Amino acid sequence: MTYEGNPYRATLRREYPEPLIALLIFILGVWLWDHYLGKPAGYAPGTEAIALLKIDRDLRLADAMEQDPAWLRKLAAVETPVEARGRALGVFKELAKEKAMTLRGLEAFAVVRAVQEKQPVSTMLGEMLKGQMISNFEEVSKQLENHGGTWWQAKIVDDWEKQAQPHSFWRQSYGHDNLKLRLRTVMARSSIWLLGLVGLIFLPRVFWHFGNAQKVKWKGYGPAWPFSLGFIVFLVATLASIGFSVMLEIFIRAVSGLPNWLWILADAGVRMLPVFIALGLIFRRAKHAVRVIGMTRPPDFRAV
């Protein structure tokens, strides 16, 4: 095949008009301004549920590791109970400010505030909910006994029991769940720290290989890509990914009840879409991309 008929040489010689580049930059700039600097449009649906799940976990961990040494809490990235409750109150205030808090969130807000201010839980619930209780003793106690429920529900039941309400056997299950959460958190955080420390050992060799790589004069299709080609591919792939993300958000709001694995696949597709678009614009065949990127060569395990 002659050079004139080679599609890759045609790709390298292709010139992109400046108005097209300016238009793509303008569109991306408008999206960036609206997404990061524009006026917030409020929280997305489901934000409160995610916030409550995170707050419940943080408060449980703070209580479970309250007696642990400070270095272990720092290793696990766990705050003291007072700090965790203070951070939770800040989240509740933001939810209330954006009018994204339901009665369930208001109940949790009241309990956390009562404990933080050392006020009776029942009194604070009466003031903030005005008698609109959503938790009852039997249901919440059964949830806690079956390793369910939340931190604030445990505080509500504890307050009821102090007021001569019937006692249940939820404390053992609740304490066991907190200890299990503590163990998992310490193990997960420790593995992250261990992986990071082990990686530091290989940094000198990585820098040595990187320095040698800069001295090599690379040849072939990959190193010949001009800046204009890379910039256009980046803009097109990014804008396409943004458009697909917007469509996915609209679909999520319109459809409910789909399995979680489907949402995971869709999210992974959104994140991988720019890569596939870039490869499609630069290469004509998949095997060419695999070869040029270097996936046909064995990995340098010493560098890894």
C-alpha atoms as a PDB file:
ATOM      1  CA  MET A   1       0.000   0.000   0.000  1.00  0.00           C
ATOM      2  CA  THR A   2       1.395   3.404  -0.910  1.00  0.00           C
ATOM      3  CA  TYR A   3       1.729   6.173   1.598  1.00  0.00           C
ATOM      4  CA  GLU A   4      -0.895   8.163  -0.256  1.00  0.00           C
ATOM      5  CA  GLY A   5      -3.442   5.412   0.413  1.00  0.00           C
ATOM      6  CA  ASN A   6      -2.430   4.819   4.019  1.00  0.00           C
ATOM      7  CA  PRO A   7      -5.325   6.020   6.247  1.00  0.00           C
ATOM      8  CA  TYR A   8      -3.011   6.591   9.190  1.00  0.00           C
ATOM      9  CA  ARG A   9      -0.775   8.974   7.244  1.00  0.00           C
ATOM     10  CA  ALA A  10      -3.929  10.764   6.138  1.00  0.00           C
ATOM     11  CA  THR A  11      -4.966  11.068   9.775  1.00  0.00           C
ATOM     12  CA  LEU A  12      -1.601  12.554  10.730  1.00  0.00           C
ATOM     13  CA  ARG A  13      -1.683  15.066   7.849  1.00  0.00           C
ATOM     14  CA  ARG A  14      -5.274  16.108   8.438  1.00  0.00           C
ATOM     15  CA  GLU A  15      -5.755  19.756   9.381  1.00  0.00           C
ATOM     16  CA  TYR A  16      -8.708  20.814  11.483  1.00  0.00           C
ATOM     17  CA  PRO A  17     -10.257  24.250  10.866  1.00  0.00           C
ATOM     18  CA  GLU A  18      -9.795  26.709  13.684  1.00  0.00           C
ATOM     19  CA  PRO A  19     -13.536  27.593  13.854  1.00  0.00           C
ATOM     20  CA  LEU A  20     -14.298  23.939  14.620  1.00  0.00           C
ATOM     21  CA  ILE A  21     -11.735  23.883  17.405  1.00  0.00           C
ATOM     22  CA  ALA A  22     -13.059  27.166  18.798  1.00  0.00           C
ATOM     23  CA  LEU A  23     -16.642  25.838  18.695  1.00  0.00           C
ATOM     24  CA  LEU A  24     -15.729  22.679  20.591  1.00  0.00           C
ATOM     25  CA  ILE A  25     -13.792  24.689  23.186  1.00  0.00           C
ATOM     26  CA  PHE A  26     -16.763  27.050  23.587  1.00  0.00           C
ATOM     27  CA  ILE A  27     -19.223  24.181  24.123  1.00  0.00           C
ATOM     28  CA  LEU A  28     -16.949  22.530  26.673  1.00  0.00           C
ATOM     29  CA  GLY A  29     -16.397  25.871  28.411  1.00  0.00           C
ATOM     30  CA  VAL A  30     -20.147  26.481  28.684  1.00  0.00           C
ATOM     31  CA  TRP A  31     -20.615  23.051  30.264  1.00  0.00           C
ATOM     32  CA  LEU A  32     -17.730  23.564  32.696  1.00  0.00           C
ATOM     33  CA  TRP A  33     -19.071  26.972  33.725  1.00  0.00           C
ATOM     34  CA  ASP A  34     -22.599  25.668  34.237  1.00  0.00           C
ATOM     35  CA  HIS A  35     -21.418  22.518  36.021  1.00  0.00           C
ATOM     36  CA  TYR A  36     -18.854  24.022  38.404  1.00  0.00           C
ATOM     37  CA  LEU A  37     -19.436  27.789  38.551  1.00  0.00           C
ATOM     38  CA  GLY A  38     -23.146  28.128  37.782  1.00  0.00           C
ATOM     39  CA  LYS A  39     -25.910  28.451  40.335  1.00  0.00           C
ATOM     40  CA  PRO A  40     -26.591  25.071  41.991  1.00  0.00           C
ATOM     41  CA  ALA A  41     -29.870  23.511  40.905  1.00  0.00           C
ATOM     42  CA  GLY A  42     -30.392  21.646  44.176  1.00  0.00           C
ATOM     43  CA  TYR A  43     -29.568  18.108  45.174  1.00  0.00           C
ATOM     44  CA  ALA A  44     -30.415  15.178  42.943  1.00  0.00           C
ATOM     45  CA  PRO A  45     -33.127  12.720  44.012  1.00  0.00           C
ATOM     46  CA  GLY A  46     -31.848  10.178  46.521  1.00  0.00           C
ATOM     47  CA  THR A  47     -29.253  12.500  48.043  1.00  0.00           C
ATOM     48  CA  GLU A  48     -30.842  12.343  51.485  1.00  0.00           C
ATOM     49  CA  ALA A  49     -30.839   8.525  51.523  1.00  0.00           C
ATOM     50  CA  ILE A  50     -27.135   8.415  50.660  1.00  0.00           C
ATOM     51  CA  ALA A  51     -26.341  11.095  53.264  1.00  0.00           C
ATOM     52  CA  LEU A  52     -28.243   9.222  55.982  1.00  0.00           C
ATOM     53  CA  LEU A  53     -26.415   5.991  55.149  1.00  0.00           C
ATOM     54  CA  LYS A  54     -23.037   7.753  55.390  1.00  0.00           C
ATOM     55  CA  ILE A  55     -23.965   9.553  58.620  1.00  0.00           C
ATOM     56  CA  ASP A  56     -25.177   6.330  60.231  1.00  0.00           C
ATOM     57  CA  ARG A  57     -21.909   4.583  59.373  1.00  0.00           C
ATOM     58  CA  ASP A  58     -19.772   7.470  60.643  1.00  0.00           C
ATOM     59  CA  LEU A  59     -21.665   7.741  63.928  1.00  0.00           C
ATOM     60  CA  ARG A  60     -21.509   3.995  64.545  1.00  0.00           C
ATOM     61  CA  LEU A  61     -17.777   3.929  63.865  1.00  0.00           C
ATOM     62  CA  ALA A  62     -17.169   6.942  66.089  1.00  0.00           C
ATOM     63  CA  ASP A  63     -18.916   5.236  69.006  1.00  0.00           C
ATOM     64  CA  ALA A  64     -17.294   1.847  68.353  1.00  0.00           C
ATOM     65  CA  MET A  65     -13.765   3.336  68.278  1.00  0.00           C
ATOM     66  CA  GLU A  66     -14.235   5.926  71.011  1.00  0.00           C
ATOM     67  CA  GLN A  67     -11.989   4.014  73.436  1.00  0.00           C
ATOM     68  CA  ASP A  68      -9.337   3.179  70.831  1.00  0.00           C
ATOM     69  CA  PRO A  69      -6.030   5.076  70.767  1.00  0.00           C
ATOM     70  CA  ALA A  70      -5.851   8.208  68.664  1.00  0.00           C
ATOM     71  CA  TRP A  71      -3.338   6.709  66.210  1.00  0.00           C
ATOM     72  CA  LEU A  72      -5.693   3.831  65.418  1.00  0.00           C
ATOM     73  CA  ARG A  73      -8.612   6.197  64.824  1.00  0.00           C
ATOM     74  CA  LYS A  74      -6.415   8.308  62.544  1.00  0.00           C
ATOM     75  CA  LEU A  75      -5.289   5.186  60.690  1.00  0.00           C
ATOM     76  CA  ALA A  76      -8.924   4.229  60.084  1.00  0.00           C
ATOM     77  CA  ALA A  77      -9.925   7.859  59.304  1.00  0.00           C
ATOM     78  CA  VAL A  78     -12.543   7.802  62.070  1.00  0.00           C
ATOM     79  CA  GLU A  79     -13.504  10.926  64.020  1.00  0.00           C
ATOM     80  CA  THR A  80     -14.405  11.245  67.675  1.00  0.00           C
ATOM     81  CA  PRO A  81     -18.131  11.054  68.485  1.00  0.00           C
ATOM     82  CA  VAL A  82     -18.343  14.808  69.039  1.00  0.00           C
ATOM     83  CA  GLU A  83     -16.633  15.541  65.712  1.00  0.00           C
ATOM     84  CA  ALA A  84     -18.764  13.010  63.846  1.00  0.00           C
ATOM     85  CA  ARG A  85     -21.982  14.444  65.277  1.00  0.00           C
ATOM     86  CA  GLY A  86     -20.862  17.977  64.440  1.00  0.00           C
ATOM     87  CA  ARG A  87     -20.142  17.000  60.839  1.00  0.00           C
ATOM     88  CA  ALA A  88     -23.518  15.238  60.613  1.00  0.00           C
ATOM     89  CA  LEU A  89     -25.311  18.343  61.852  1.00  0.00           C
ATOM     90  CA  GLY A  90     -23.623  20.359  59.118  1.00  0.00           C
ATOM     91  CA  VAL A  91     -24.890  17.902  56.499  1.00  0.00           C
ATOM     92  CA  PHE A  92     -28.419  18.059  57.912  1.00  0.00           C
ATOM     93  CA  LYS A  93     -28.380  21.844  57.767  1.00  0.00           C
ATOM     94  CA  GLU A  94     -27.322  21.766  54.121  1.00  0.00           C
ATOM     95  CA  LEU A  95     -30.104  19.310  53.304  1.00  0.00           C
ATOM     96  CA  ALA A  96     -32.626  21.520  55.082  1.00  0.00           C
ATOM     97  CA  LYS A  97     -31.295  24.599  53.284  1.00  0.00           C
ATOM     98  CA  GLU A  98     -31.830  22.909  49.898  1.00  0.00           C
ATOM     99  CA  LYS A  99     -35.248  21.590  51.019  1.00  0.00           C
ATOM    100  CA  ALA A 100     -34.057  18.039  50.425  1.00  0.00           C
ATOM    101  CA  MET A 101     -34.938  16.680  53.876  1.00  0.00           C
ATOM    102  CA  THR A 102     -37.911  14.429  54.529  1.00  0.00           C
ATOM    103  CA  LEU A 103     -39.503  13.497  57.843  1.00  0.00           C
ATOM    104  CA  ARG A 104     -37.089  10.582  58.136  1.00  0.00           C
ATOM    105  CA  GLY A 105     -34.116  12.897  57.849  1.00  0.00           C
ATOM    106  CA  LEU A 106     -35.670  15.369  60.262  1.00  0.00           C
ATOM    107  CA  GLU A 107     -36.018  12.616  62.858  1.00  0.00           C
ATOM    108  CA  ALA A 108     -32.333  11.736  62.499  1.00  0.00           C
ATOM    109  CA  PHE A 109     -31.443  15.445  62.671  1.00  0.00           C
ATOM    110  CA  ALA A 110     -33.362  15.836  65.926  1.00  0.00           C
ATOM    111  CA  VAL A 111     -31.692  12.833  67.577  1.00  0.00           C
ATOM    112  CA  VAL A 112     -28.161  13.857  66.572  1.00  0.00           C
ATOM    113  CA  ARG A 113     -28.778  17.403  67.733  1.00  0.00           C
ATOM    114  CA  ALA A 114     -30.188  16.215  71.069  1.00  0.00           C
ATOM    115  CA  VAL A 115     -27.184  13.998  71.776  1.00  0.00           C
ATOM    116  CA  GLN A 116     -24.725  16.696  70.694  1.00  0.00           C
ATOM    117  CA  GLU A 117     -26.389  19.336  72.875  1.00  0.00           C
ATOM    118  CA  LYS A 118     -26.937  16.842  75.723  1.00  0.00           C
ATOM    119  CA  GLN A 119     -30.687  17.337  75.636  1.00  0.00           C
ATOM    120  CA  PRO A 120     -33.399  14.676  76.140  1.00  0.00           C
ATOM    121  CA  VAL A 121     -34.035  12.897  72.853  1.00  0.00           C
ATOM    122  CA  SER A 122     -37.795  12.767  73.333  1.00  0.00           C
ATOM    123  CA  THR A 123     -37.955  16.505  74.033  1.00  0.00           C
ATOM    124  CA  MET A 124     -35.981  17.388  70.918  1.00  0.00           C
ATOM    125  CA  LEU A 125     -38.083  15.032  68.794  1.00  0.00           C
ATOM    126  CA  GLY A 126     -41.258  16.677  70.066  1.00  0.00           C
ATOM    127  CA  GLU A 127     -39.949  20.156  69.306  1.00  0.00           C
ATOM    128  CA  MET A 128     -38.665  19.445  65.782  1.00  0.00           C
ATOM    129  CA  LEU A 129     -41.193  16.879  64.560  1.00  0.00           C
ATOM    130  CA  LYS A 130     -44.189  18.396  66.353  1.00  0.00           C
ATOM    131  CA  GLY A 131     -45.592  14.982  67.186  1.00  0.00           C
ATOM    132  CA  GLN A 132     -45.031  13.434  63.720  1.00  0.00           C
ATOM    133  CA  MET A 133     -43.083  10.385  64.893  1.00  0.00           C
ATOM    134  CA  ILE A 134     -42.210   7.837  62.231  1.00  0.00           C
ATOM    135  CA  SER A 135     -40.529   5.263  64.511  1.00  0.00           C
ATOM    136  CA  ASN A 136     -42.322   3.047  66.998  1.00  0.00           C
ATOM    137  CA  PHE A 137     -40.808   1.000  69.799  1.00  0.00           C
ATOM    138  CA  GLU A 138     -41.689  -2.517  68.666  1.00  0.00           C
ATOM    139  CA  GLU A 139     -40.744  -2.084  65.012  1.00  0.00           C
ATOM    140  CA  VAL A 140     -37.447  -0.314  65.672  1.00  0.00           C
ATOM    141  CA  SER A 141     -36.473  -2.747  68.452  1.00  0.00           C
ATOM    142  CA  LYS A 142     -37.093  -5.686  66.146  1.00  0.00           C
ATOM    143  CA  GLN A 143     -34.964  -4.085  63.424  1.00  0.00           C
ATOM    144  CA  LEU A 144     -32.091  -3.537  65.843  1.00  0.00           C
ATOM    145  CA  GLU A 145     -32.329  -7.106  67.152  1.00  0.00           C
ATOM    146  CA  ASN A 146     -32.107  -8.379  63.550  1.00  0.00           C
ATOM    147  CA  HIS A 147     -28.927  -6.363  62.873  1.00  0.00           C
ATOM    148  CA  GLY A 148     -30.805  -3.531  61.191  1.00  0.00           C
ATOM    149  CA  GLY A 149     -31.846  -0.036  62.215  1.00  0.00           C
ATOM    150  CA  THR A 150     -29.724   3.077  62.514  1.00  0.00           C
ATOM    151  CA  TRP A 151     -27.659   4.929  65.084  1.00  0.00           C
ATOM    152  CA  TRP A 152     -30.422   7.432  65.816  1.00  0.00           C
ATOM    153  CA  GLN A 153     -33.055   4.718  66.103  1.00  0.00           C
ATOM    154  CA  ALA A 154     -30.898   3.045  68.737  1.00  0.00           C
ATOM    155  CA  LYS A 155     -30.783   6.340  70.639  1.00  0.00           C
ATOM    156  CA  ILE A 156     -34.577   6.664  70.368  1.00  0.00           C
ATOM    157  CA  VAL A 157     -35.161   3.164  71.765  1.00  0.00           C
ATOM    158  CA  ASP A 158     -32.609   3.780  74.514  1.00  0.00           C
ATOM    159  CA  ASP A 159     -34.440   6.958  75.496  1.00  0.00           C
ATOM    160  CA  TRP A 160     -37.789   5.138  75.507  1.00  0.00           C
ATOM    161  CA  GLU A 161     -36.402   2.409  77.754  1.00  0.00           C
ATOM    162  CA  LYS A 162     -35.156   5.004  80.198  1.00  0.00           C
ATOM    163  CA  GLN A 163     -38.732   6.262  80.401  1.00  0.00           C
ATOM    164  CA  ALA A 164     -39.946   2.863  81.692  1.00  0.00           C
ATOM    165  CA  GLN A 165     -40.928   1.543  78.271  1.00  0.00           C
ATOM    166  CA  PRO A 166     -40.701  -2.274  77.813  1.00  0.00           C
ATOM    167  CA  HIS A 167     -37.110  -3.436  77.384  1.00  0.00           C
ATOM    168  CA  SER A 168     -36.003  -5.435  74.360  1.00  0.00           C
ATOM    169  CA  PHE A 169     -32.862  -7.390  73.524  1.00  0.00           C
ATOM    170  CA  TRP A 170     -31.430  -5.166  70.828  1.00  0.00           C
ATOM    171  CA  ARG A 171     -28.254  -3.972  72.535  1.00  0.00           C
ATOM    172  CA  GLN A 172     -26.238  -7.139  71.945  1.00  0.00           C
ATOM    173  CA  SER A 173     -27.013  -7.227  68.206  1.00  0.00           C
ATOM    174  CA  TYR A 174     -26.409  -3.503  67.844  1.00  0.00           C
ATOM    175  CA  GLY A 175     -23.080  -3.682  69.684  1.00  0.00           C
ATOM    176  CA  HIS A 176     -22.010  -6.692  67.633  1.00  0.00           C
ATOM    177  CA  ASP A 177     -22.792  -4.836  64.396  1.00  0.00           C
ATOM    178  CA  ASN A 178     -20.724  -1.836  65.511  1.00  0.00           C
ATOM    179  CA  LEU A 179     -17.744  -4.027  66.427  1.00  0.00           C
ATOM    180  CA  LYS A 180     -17.951  -5.808  63.080  1.00  0.00           C
ATOM    181  CA  LEU A 181     -18.073  -2.449  61.278  1.00  0.00           C
ATOM    182  CA  ARG A 182     -15.056  -1.305  63.298  1.00  0.00           C
ATOM    183  CA  LEU A 183     -13.048  -4.416  62.349  1.00  0.00           C
ATOM    184  CA  ARG A 184     -13.867  -4.094  58.665  1.00  0.00           C
ATOM    185  CA  THR A 185     -12.949  -0.412  58.620  1.00  0.00           C
ATOM    186  CA  VAL A 186      -9.613  -0.945  60.362  1.00  0.00           C
ATOM    187  CA  MET A 187      -8.725  -3.815  58.022  1.00  0.00           C
ATOM    188  CA  ALA A 188      -9.724  -1.898  54.886  1.00  0.00           C
ATOM    189  CA  ARG A 189      -7.886   1.288  55.878  1.00  0.00           C
ATOM    190  CA  SER A 190      -4.825  -0.654  57.003  1.00  0.00           C
ATOM    191  CA  SER A 191      -4.627  -2.450  53.665  1.00  0.00           C
ATOM    192  CA  ILE A 192      -4.732   0.909  51.856  1.00  0.00           C
ATOM    193  CA  TRP A 193      -1.916   2.303  54.015  1.00  0.00           C
ATOM    194  CA  LEU A 194       0.081  -0.919  53.560  1.00  0.00           C
ATOM    195  CA  LEU A 195      -0.349  -0.827  49.788  1.00  0.00           C
ATOM    196  CA  GLY A 196       0.778   2.803  49.701  1.00  0.00           C
ATOM    197  CA  LEU A 197       3.855   2.138  51.844  1.00  0.00           C
ATOM    198  CA  VAL A 198       4.847  -0.883  49.761  1.00  0.00           C
ATOM    199  CA  GLY A 199       4.492   1.232  46.620  1.00  0.00           C
ATOM    200  CA  LEU A 200       6.981   3.782  47.976  1.00  0.00           C
ATOM    201  CA  ILE A 201       9.688   1.105  47.905  1.00  0.00           C
ATOM    202  CA  PHE A 202       9.463   0.931  44.116  1.00  0.00           C
ATOM    203  CA  LEU A 203       9.501   4.678  43.448  1.00  0.00           C
ATOM    204  CA  PRO A 204      13.293   4.910  42.849  1.00  0.00           C
ATOM    205  CA  ARG A 205      13.135   2.204  40.169  1.00  0.00           C
ATOM    206  CA  VAL A 206      10.096   3.822  38.593  1.00  0.00           C
ATOM    207  CA  PHE A 207      11.894   7.167  38.312  1.00  0.00           C
ATOM    208  CA  TRP A 208      14.970   5.411  36.913  1.00  0.00           C
ATOM    209  CA  HIS A 209      12.919   3.702  34.193  1.00  0.00           C
ATOM    210  CA  PHE A 210      11.070   6.937  33.467  1.00  0.00           C
ATOM    211  CA  GLY A 211      14.357   8.820  33.035  1.00  0.00           C
ATOM    212  CA  ASN A 212      15.683   6.188  30.644  1.00  0.00           C
ATOM    213  CA  ALA A 213      12.448   6.277  28.665  1.00  0.00           C
ATOM    214  CA  GLN A 214      12.893  10.009  28.041  1.00  0.00           C
ATOM    215  CA  LYS A 215      16.239   9.324  26.334  1.00  0.00           C
ATOM    216  CA  VAL A 216      14.759   6.866  23.840  1.00  0.00           C
ATOM    217  CA  LYS A 217      13.690   8.255  20.477  1.00  0.00           C
ATOM    218  CA  TRP A 218      10.377   6.590  19.830  1.00  0.00           C
ATOM    219  CA  LYS A 219       9.265   5.753  16.307  1.00  0.00           C
ATOM    220  CA  GLY A 220       5.982   4.722  14.768  1.00  0.00           C
ATOM    221  CA  TYR A 221       2.416   5.938  14.611  1.00  0.00           C
ATOM    222  CA  GLY A 222       1.913   6.755  18.289  1.00  0.00           C
ATOM    223  CA  PRO A 223       4.780   9.234  18.770  1.00  0.00           C
ATOM    224  CA  ALA A 224       3.885  10.934  15.454  1.00  0.00           C
ATOM    225  CA  TRP A 225       0.507  12.222  16.673  1.00  0.00           C
ATOM    226  CA  PRO A 226       0.409  16.021  16.324  1.00  0.00           C
ATOM    227  CA  PHE A 227      -0.943  18.224  19.094  1.00  0.00           C
ATOM    228  CA  SER A 228      -3.960  19.289  17.043  1.00  0.00           C
ATOM    229  CA  LEU A 229      -5.041  15.665  16.567  1.00  0.00           C
ATOM    230  CA  GLY A 230      -4.761  14.879  20.271  1.00  0.00           C
ATOM    231  CA  PHE A 231      -6.600  18.057  21.239  1.00  0.00           C
ATOM    232  CA  ILE A 232      -9.502  17.409  18.826  1.00  0.00           C
ATOM    233  CA  VAL A 233      -9.800  13.800  19.986  1.00  0.00           C
ATOM    234  CA  PHE A 234      -9.853  14.955  23.611  1.00  0.00           C
ATOM    235  CA  LEU A 235     -12.589  17.547  22.962  1.00  0.00           C
ATOM    236  CA  VAL A 236     -14.803  15.206  20.935  1.00  0.00           C
ATOM    237  CA  ALA A 237     -14.456  12.315  23.384  1.00  0.00           C
ATOM    238  CA  THR A 238     -15.126  14.542  26.404  1.00  0.00           C
ATOM    239  CA  LEU A 239     -18.201  16.187  24.895  1.00  0.00           C
ATOM    240  CA  ALA A 240     -19.608  12.824  23.815  1.00  0.00           C
ATOM    241  CA  SER A 241     -19.132  11.461  27.313  1.00  0.00           C
ATOM    242  CA  ILE A 242     -20.860  14.512  28.803  1.00  0.00           C
ATOM    243  CA  GLY A 243     -23.827  14.064  26.471  1.00  0.00           C
ATOM    244  CA  PHE A 244     -24.129  10.393  27.343  1.00  0.00           C
ATOM    245  CA  SER A 245     -23.943  11.225  31.065  1.00  0.00           C
ATOM    246  CA  VAL A 246     -26.776  13.744  30.751  1.00  0.00           C
ATOM    247  CA  MET A 247     -28.925  11.203  28.929  1.00  0.00           C
ATOM    248  CA  LEU A 248     -28.187   8.614  31.624  1.00  0.00           C
ATOM    249  CA  GLU A 249     -29.193  11.031  34.390  1.00  0.00           C
ATOM    250  CA  ILE A 250     -32.500  11.738  32.622  1.00  0.00           C
ATOM    251  CA  PHE A 251     -33.101   8.008  32.244  1.00  0.00           C
ATOM    252  CA  ILE A 252     -32.351   7.379  35.940  1.00  0.00           C
ATOM    253  CA  ARG A 253     -34.872  10.013  36.999  1.00  0.00           C
ATOM    254  CA  ALA A 254     -37.535   8.613  34.685  1.00  0.00           C
ATOM    255  CA  VAL A 255     -37.042   4.904  35.410  1.00  0.00           C
ATOM    256  CA  SER A 256     -36.915   3.143  38.758  1.00  0.00           C
ATOM    257  CA  GLY A 257     -36.765  -0.434  39.937  1.00  0.00           C
ATOM    258  CA  LEU A 258     -33.943  -1.600  37.678  1.00  0.00           C
ATOM    259  CA  PRO A 259     -31.302  -3.929  39.175  1.00  0.00           C
ATOM    260  CA  ASN A 260     -28.141  -2.393  40.641  1.00  0.00           C
ATOM    261  CA  TRP A 261     -25.833  -4.294  38.295  1.00  0.00           C
ATOM    262  CA  LEU A 262     -27.416  -2.514  35.347  1.00  0.00           C
ATOM    263  CA  TRP A 263     -26.646   0.906  36.851  1.00  0.00           C
ATOM    264  CA  ILE A 264     -23.073  -0.242  37.555  1.00  0.00           C
ATOM    265  CA  LEU A 265     -22.604  -1.269  33.926  1.00  0.00           C
ATOM    266  CA  ALA A 266     -24.069   2.021  32.711  1.00  0.00           C
ATOM    267  CA  ASP A 267     -21.774   4.028  34.986  1.00  0.00           C
ATOM    268  CA  ALA A 268     -18.754   2.022  33.818  1.00  0.00           C
ATOM    269  CA  GLY A 269     -19.790   2.636  30.214  1.00  0.00           C
ATOM    270  CA  VAL A 270     -19.950   6.394  30.791  1.00  0.00           C
ATOM    271  CA  ARG A 271     -16.446   6.389  32.258  1.00  0.00           C
ATOM    272  CA  MET A 272     -14.969   4.237  29.476  1.00  0.00           C
ATOM    273  CA  LEU A 273     -16.771   5.997  26.611  1.00  0.00           C
ATOM    274  CA  PRO A 274     -14.081   8.706  26.056  1.00  0.00           C
ATOM    275  CA  VAL A 275     -11.411   6.025  25.727  1.00  0.00           C
ATOM    276  CA  PHE A 276     -13.375   4.048  23.150  1.00  0.00           C
ATOM    277  CA  ILE A 277     -14.214   7.200  21.179  1.00  0.00           C
ATOM    278  CA  ALA A 278     -10.564   8.257  21.148  1.00  0.00           C
ATOM    279  CA  LEU A 279      -9.435   4.824  19.965  1.00  0.00           C
ATOM    280  CA  GLY A 280     -12.129   4.849  17.285  1.00  0.00           C
ATOM    281  CA  LEU A 281     -11.010   8.238  15.974  1.00  0.00           C
ATOM    282  CA  ILE A 282      -7.288   7.405  15.913  1.00  0.00           C
ATOM    283  CA  PHE A 283      -7.269   3.757  14.803  1.00  0.00           C
ATOM    284  CA  ARG A 284      -9.017   1.896  12.004  1.00  0.00           C
ATOM    285  CA  ARG A 285      -8.840  -1.576  13.545  1.00  0.00           C
ATOM    286  CA  ALA A 286      -8.832  -2.840  17.117  1.00  0.00           C
ATOM    287  CA  LYS A 287      -5.692  -4.936  16.614  1.00  0.00           C
ATOM    288  CA  HIS A 288      -3.821  -1.826  15.493  1.00  0.00           C
ATOM    289  CA  ALA A 289      -4.731  -0.064  18.751  1.00  0.00           C
ATOM    290  CA  VAL A 290      -3.612  -3.061  20.795  1.00  0.00           C
ATOM    291  CA  ARG A 291      -0.258  -3.175  19.017  1.00  0.00           C
ATOM    292  CA  VAL A 292       0.500   0.568  19.070  1.00  0.00           C
ATOM    293  CA  ILE A 293      -0.444   0.968  22.727  1.00  0.00           C
ATOM    294  CA  GLY A 294       1.968  -1.857  23.543  1.00  0.00           C
ATOM    295  CA  MET A 295      -0.449  -4.452  24.864  1.00  0.00           C
ATOM    296  CA  THR A 296       1.178  -7.152  22.702  1.00  0.00           C
ATOM    297  CA  ARG A 297       4.475  -6.869  24.571  1.00  0.00           C
ATOM    298  CA  PRO A 298       5.028  -8.594  27.912  1.00  0.00           C
ATOM    299  CA  PRO A 299       4.890  -6.204  30.885  1.00  0.00           C
ATOM    300  CA  ASP A 300       8.066  -5.055  32.568  1.00  0.00           C
ATOM    301  CA  PHE A 301       7.429  -6.561  35.977  1.00  0.00           C
ATOM    302  CA  ARG A 302      10.459  -4.815  37.460  1.00  0.00           C
ATOM    303  CA  ALA A 303       9.003  -1.444  36.557  1.00  0.00           C
ATOM    304  CA  VAL A 304       5.585  -2.488  37.794  1.00  0.00           C
END
